[in-house]
Amino acid sequence: MEIKRAGSQNSAKGPADWFTGTVRIDQLFEAPEPARVRGASVTFEPCARTAWHTHPLGQTLIVMSGFGWTQRDGGPIEEIRSGDVVWFAPNEKHWHGATPTTAMTHIAIQEALDGKVVEWMEKVGDEQYKK
């Protein structure tokens, strides 16, 4: 058994290559092998969002607070709110983040495949984000 105490891990700023706007990432867990699940709490300030990306084994988001948007490639922008759970299938191209006026925090859970949990792609431009 391992207990990670609240506040024992540092918060990190979301890298500009992966995010637009102000994003804070709080790593929650990374299970030791042979398990491969990882989780983080991610907070998006208004207008902040991920770049387009995929996950080799899919991703689950649990929206903890606020109001956000998400979109899969070719689909409409969808609203997500506190209490919603979102599943992205393996290799499904998508993005997620806050709305223009409201921050949003979610827990992101994904598994690693050969040590890789995400493939980052192009950023979501302002025009595309506000459609």
C-alpha atoms as a PDB file:
ATOM      1  CA  MET A   1       0.000   0.000   0.000  1.00  0.00           C
ATOM      2  CA  GLU A   2       1.123   3.538  -0.730  1.00  0.00           C
ATOM      3  CA  ILE A   3      -0.500   6.740   0.480  1.00  0.00           C
ATOM      4  CA  LYS A   4       0.348  10.013  -1.247  1.00  0.00           C
ATOM      5  CA  ARG A   5      -0.529  12.816   1.099  1.00  0.00           C
ATOM      6  CA  ALA A   6      -2.360  15.876  -0.214  1.00  0.00           C
ATOM      7  CA  GLY A   7       0.171  18.572  -1.012  1.00  0.00           C
ATOM      8  CA  SER A   8       3.098  16.142  -1.238  1.00  0.00           C
ATOM      9  CA  GLN A   9       3.444  16.577  -5.003  1.00  0.00           C
ATOM     10  CA  ASN A  10       4.168  19.895  -6.676  1.00  0.00           C
ATOM     11  CA  SER A  11       1.759  21.544  -9.078  1.00  0.00           C
ATOM     12  CA  ALA A  12       3.050  22.177 -12.588  1.00  0.00           C
ATOM     13  CA  LYS A  13       2.175  24.715 -15.251  1.00  0.00           C
ATOM     14  CA  GLY A  14       0.708  23.158 -18.399  1.00  0.00           C
ATOM     15  CA  PRO A  15       3.384  23.307 -21.124  1.00  0.00           C
ATOM     16  CA  ALA A  16       2.725  25.876 -23.875  1.00  0.00           C
ATOM     17  CA  ASP A  17       3.317  23.201 -26.538  1.00  0.00           C
ATOM     18  CA  TRP A  18       0.337  21.202 -25.237  1.00  0.00           C
ATOM     19  CA  PHE A  19      -2.028  23.908 -23.963  1.00  0.00           C
ATOM     20  CA  THR A  20      -3.420  27.339 -24.830  1.00  0.00           C
ATOM     21  CA  GLY A  21      -3.956  29.628 -21.829  1.00  0.00           C
ATOM     22  CA  THR A  22      -3.314  29.084 -18.143  1.00  0.00           C
ATOM     23  CA  VAL A  23      -3.433  25.433 -17.075  1.00  0.00           C
ATOM     24  CA  ARG A  24      -2.299  23.800 -13.821  1.00  0.00           C
ATOM     25  CA  ILE A  25      -1.531  20.080 -13.629  1.00  0.00           C
ATOM     26  CA  ASP A  26      -1.500  18.212 -10.320  1.00  0.00           C
ATOM     27  CA  GLN A  27      -0.231  14.661 -10.739  1.00  0.00           C
ATOM     28  CA  LEU A  28      -2.349  12.318  -8.626  1.00  0.00           C
ATOM     29  CA  PHE A  29      -0.954   8.862  -9.303  1.00  0.00           C
ATOM     30  CA  GLU A  30       1.108   6.665 -11.578  1.00  0.00           C
ATOM     31  CA  ALA A  31       0.636   3.023 -10.720  1.00  0.00           C
ATOM     32  CA  PRO A  32       3.811   0.909 -10.659  1.00  0.00           C
ATOM     33  CA  GLU A  33       4.283  -1.849 -13.244  1.00  0.00           C
ATOM     34  CA  PRO A  34       2.708  -4.117 -14.250  1.00  0.00           C
ATOM     35  CA  ALA A  35      -0.171  -1.627 -13.850  1.00  0.00           C
ATOM     36  CA  ARG A  36      -0.110   1.215 -16.351  1.00  0.00           C
ATOM     37  CA  VAL A  37      -2.796   3.658 -15.209  1.00  0.00           C
ATOM     38  CA  ARG A  38      -1.992   7.316 -14.521  1.00  0.00           C
ATOM     39  CA  GLY A  39      -4.117  10.173 -13.284  1.00  0.00           C
ATOM     40  CA  ALA A  40      -3.896  13.925 -12.853  1.00  0.00           C
ATOM     41  CA  SER A  41      -6.112  16.801 -11.822  1.00  0.00           C
ATOM     42  CA  VAL A  42      -6.051  19.495 -14.505  1.00  0.00           C
ATOM     43  CA  THR A  43      -7.413  23.007 -13.982  1.00  0.00           C
ATOM     44  CA  PHE A  44      -8.137  25.252 -16.967  1.00  0.00           C
ATOM     45  CA  GLU A  45      -8.667  28.989 -16.492  1.00  0.00           C
ATOM     46  CA  PRO A  46     -11.296  30.593 -18.783  1.00  0.00           C
ATOM     47  CA  CYS A  47     -10.382  30.127 -22.491  1.00  0.00           C
ATOM     48  CA  ALA A  48      -7.634  27.608 -21.642  1.00  0.00           C
ATOM     49  CA  ARG A  49      -7.648  24.301 -23.509  1.00  0.00           C
ATOM     50  CA  THR A  50      -5.556  21.385 -24.679  1.00  0.00           C
ATOM     51  CA  ALA A  51      -4.121  20.991 -28.141  1.00  0.00           C
ATOM     52  CA  TRP A  52      -5.627  18.215 -30.259  1.00  0.00           C
ATOM     53  CA  HIS A  53      -4.340  14.878 -29.009  1.00  0.00           C
ATOM     54  CA  THR A  54      -4.946  11.127 -28.773  1.00  0.00           C
ATOM     55  CA  HIS A  55      -4.350   8.435 -26.152  1.00  0.00           C
ATOM     56  CA  PRO A  56      -3.222   4.961 -27.250  1.00  0.00           C
ATOM     57  CA  LEU A  57      -5.532   3.206 -24.779  1.00  0.00           C
ATOM     58  CA  GLY A  58      -8.202   5.897 -24.392  1.00  0.00           C
ATOM     59  CA  GLN A  59      -8.895   8.436 -21.672  1.00  0.00           C
ATOM     60  CA  THR A  60     -11.521   9.064 -19.009  1.00  0.00           C
ATOM     61  CA  LEU A  61     -12.266  12.580 -17.746  1.00  0.00           C
ATOM     62  CA  ILE A  62     -14.197  13.191 -14.531  1.00  0.00           C
ATOM     63  CA  VAL A  63     -15.279  16.828 -14.355  1.00  0.00           C
ATOM     64  CA  MET A  64     -14.860  17.978 -10.752  1.00  0.00           C
ATOM     65  CA  SER A  65     -15.857  21.627 -11.004  1.00  0.00           C
ATOM     66  CA  GLY A  66     -16.793  24.338 -13.439  1.00  0.00           C
ATOM     67  CA  PHE A  67     -17.988  24.267 -17.000  1.00  0.00           C
ATOM     68  CA  GLY A  68     -16.001  23.214 -20.047  1.00  0.00           C
ATOM     69  CA  TRP A  69     -16.045  22.186 -23.649  1.00  0.00           C
ATOM     70  CA  THR A  70     -14.711  19.151 -25.472  1.00  0.00           C
ATOM     71  CA  GLN A  71     -14.703  18.026 -29.072  1.00  0.00           C
ATOM     72  CA  ARG A  72     -13.705  14.928 -30.969  1.00  0.00           C
ATOM     73  CA  ASP A  73     -12.394  15.242 -34.508  1.00  0.00           C
ATOM     74  CA  GLY A  74     -15.301  15.735 -36.907  1.00  0.00           C
ATOM     75  CA  GLY A  75     -17.875  16.239 -34.157  1.00  0.00           C
ATOM     76  CA  PRO A  76     -19.535  19.239 -32.540  1.00  0.00           C
ATOM     77  CA  ILE A  77     -18.224  21.019 -29.456  1.00  0.00           C
ATOM     78  CA  GLU A  78     -19.911  19.437 -26.418  1.00  0.00           C
ATOM     79  CA  GLU A  79     -20.558  21.041 -23.011  1.00  0.00           C
ATOM     80  CA  ILE A  80     -19.168  19.281 -19.928  1.00  0.00           C
ATOM     81  CA  ARG A  81     -19.966  20.183 -16.320  1.00  0.00           C
ATOM     82  CA  SER A  82     -19.237  19.142 -12.769  1.00  0.00           C
ATOM     83  CA  GLY A  83     -20.165  15.482 -12.286  1.00  0.00           C
ATOM     84  CA  ASP A  84     -19.914  14.531 -15.978  1.00  0.00           C
ATOM     85  CA  VAL A  85     -17.723  11.592 -17.002  1.00  0.00           C
ATOM     86  CA  VAL A  86     -16.278  11.581 -20.530  1.00  0.00           C
ATOM     87  CA  TRP A  87     -14.681   8.616 -22.332  1.00  0.00           C
ATOM     88  CA  PHE A  88     -12.459   8.987 -25.389  1.00  0.00           C
ATOM     89  CA  ALA A  89     -11.773   5.762 -27.292  1.00  0.00           C
ATOM     90  CA  PRO A  90      -8.201   4.683 -28.054  1.00  0.00           C
ATOM     91  CA  ASN A  91      -6.602   6.973 -30.653  1.00  0.00           C
ATOM     92  CA  GLU A  92      -9.691   9.221 -30.844  1.00  0.00           C
ATOM     93  CA  LYS A  93      -8.457  12.725 -31.735  1.00  0.00           C
ATOM     94  CA  HIS A  94      -9.934  15.278 -29.328  1.00  0.00           C
ATOM     95  CA  TRP A  95      -9.430  18.367 -27.171  1.00  0.00           C
ATOM     96  CA  HIS A  96     -10.950  19.681 -23.925  1.00  0.00           C
ATOM     97  CA  GLY A  97     -10.817  22.793 -21.775  1.00  0.00           C
ATOM     98  CA  ALA A  98     -12.682  25.642 -20.101  1.00  0.00           C
ATOM     99  CA  THR A  99     -15.314  27.876 -21.677  1.00  0.00           C
ATOM    100  CA  PRO A 100     -14.497  31.527 -22.423  1.00  0.00           C
ATOM    101  CA  THR A 101     -16.069  32.664 -19.115  1.00  0.00           C
ATOM    102  CA  THR A 102     -15.729  29.763 -16.651  1.00  0.00           C
ATOM    103  CA  ALA A 103     -12.817  27.735 -15.305  1.00  0.00           C
ATOM    104  CA  MET A 104     -12.999  23.934 -15.281  1.00  0.00           C
ATOM    105  CA  THR A 105     -11.171  21.207 -13.379  1.00  0.00           C
ATOM    106  CA  HIS A 106     -11.192  17.555 -14.349  1.00  0.00           C
ATOM    107  CA  ILE A 107      -9.404  14.407 -13.328  1.00  0.00           C
ATOM    108  CA  ALA A 108      -7.804  12.763 -16.360  1.00  0.00           C
ATOM    109  CA  ILE A 109      -7.171   9.014 -16.244  1.00  0.00           C
ATOM    110  CA  GLN A 110      -5.313   7.137 -18.957  1.00  0.00           C
ATOM    111  CA  GLU A 111      -3.089   4.096 -19.404  1.00  0.00           C
ATOM    112  CA  ALA A 112       0.384   3.921 -20.873  1.00  0.00           C
ATOM    113  CA  LEU A 113       1.183   1.746 -23.867  1.00  0.00           C
ATOM    114  CA  ASP A 114       4.908   1.088 -24.119  1.00  0.00           C
ATOM    115  CA  GLY A 115       5.410   4.002 -21.704  1.00  0.00           C
ATOM    116  CA  LYS A 116       3.389   6.486 -23.791  1.00  0.00           C
ATOM    117  CA  VAL A 117       0.065   7.969 -22.609  1.00  0.00           C
ATOM    118  CA  VAL A 118      -0.574  10.750 -25.132  1.00  0.00           C
ATOM    119  CA  GLU A 119       0.316  11.985 -28.604  1.00  0.00           C
ATOM    120  CA  TRP A 120       0.112  15.762 -28.918  1.00  0.00           C
ATOM    121  CA  MET A 121      -0.910  17.392 -32.189  1.00  0.00           C
ATOM    122  CA  GLU A 122      -1.764  20.886 -33.467  1.00  0.00           C
ATOM    123  CA  LYS A 123      -3.266  23.553 -31.237  1.00  0.00           C
ATOM    124  CA  VAL A 124      -6.968  24.451 -31.297  1.00  0.00           C
ATOM    125  CA  GLY A 125      -7.099  27.967 -32.748  1.00  0.00           C
ATOM    126  CA  ASP A 126      -9.305  30.742 -31.363  1.00  0.00           C
ATOM    127  CA  GLU A 127     -11.643  30.641 -34.355  1.00  0.00           C
ATOM    128  CA  GLN A 128     -12.136  26.874 -34.076  1.00  0.00           C
ATOM    129  CA  TYR A 129     -12.515  27.082 -30.267  1.00  0.00           C
ATOM    130  CA  LYS A 130     -15.295  29.678 -30.388  1.00  0.00           C
ATOM    131  CA  LYS A 131     -17.484  27.900 -32.970  1.00  0.00           C
END
